Amino acid sequence: MKQVLIVEDQRMPRENMERMLIESGRYALTASVNGADVAFTICQKQPVDLILMDVCTAGNKDGIDAAADIKRSYPNIKIVVVTSMVEVSYLDRARHAGVDSFWYKDISPMSLLEVMDRTMEGERLFPDKTPEVQLGNATSSEFTSKEIEVLRLICDGLEYREIAEDLGITERTVKYHVSNLLSKTGYANKTRLAIAVTNRNFIIPKIRDE
């Protein structure tokens, strides 16, 4: 049987994946962990054929970065990125990292088991595009790349001055982008916008070095 490593920080999804493996009769569980930062070490010490890698996990490394590290050293290990976050950068990052397939937990038309089977047979399965998310009066596809950058930093709790410094633009330009975001979505202020973004799993805050 193919040996599978599960990387998932939420207990219920992790247990569901474990149960799916046991019931499949063709996959065996190598390990099940809540942090992507330990996945590489497990690959060094135990046989792994396939990794189910969540993106947002415990620890200080996200799943796509961990997948890239593993692929560089163990290119024959298949990796399926699994996520419920419709973060707009994930698909491109996953492809660039060399992962084999990408599966949205809540909205993918195929079951995870089917994705695993087809991935192990050599297919690379990726959605055509990131699903659209409704935010107030707008959909996520209506935002420019710069507006999304600003929005990510708003969700990270940064103030206008800090966003300007982070992006290398003026504070006035930041306020211009925020004004456009509020106009498009219809939210009264950036706090309500940030709450809506977080609740709908659209983007995650930027991961920062300590």
Foldseek 3Di string as FASTA:
>chain_A
DAEEEEAAQDDPVQVVVQVCQVVVVPYDYQYYYFDLVCVQVSVVPDPHQEYAAEQDGPDQHGRLVSLLVNCVVPVRRAYEYEYQALAQCPVVSNVVSPHQEYYYPPDDPDDPVVVVVVSSVPHRYYDPGRDWDQAAQDIPVPADPVLVLLLLVVLVVDDLVVSCVVVVHDSVVSVVSQVVVCVRRVDPHSVVSSVSCVVNSHHHHDRDDD
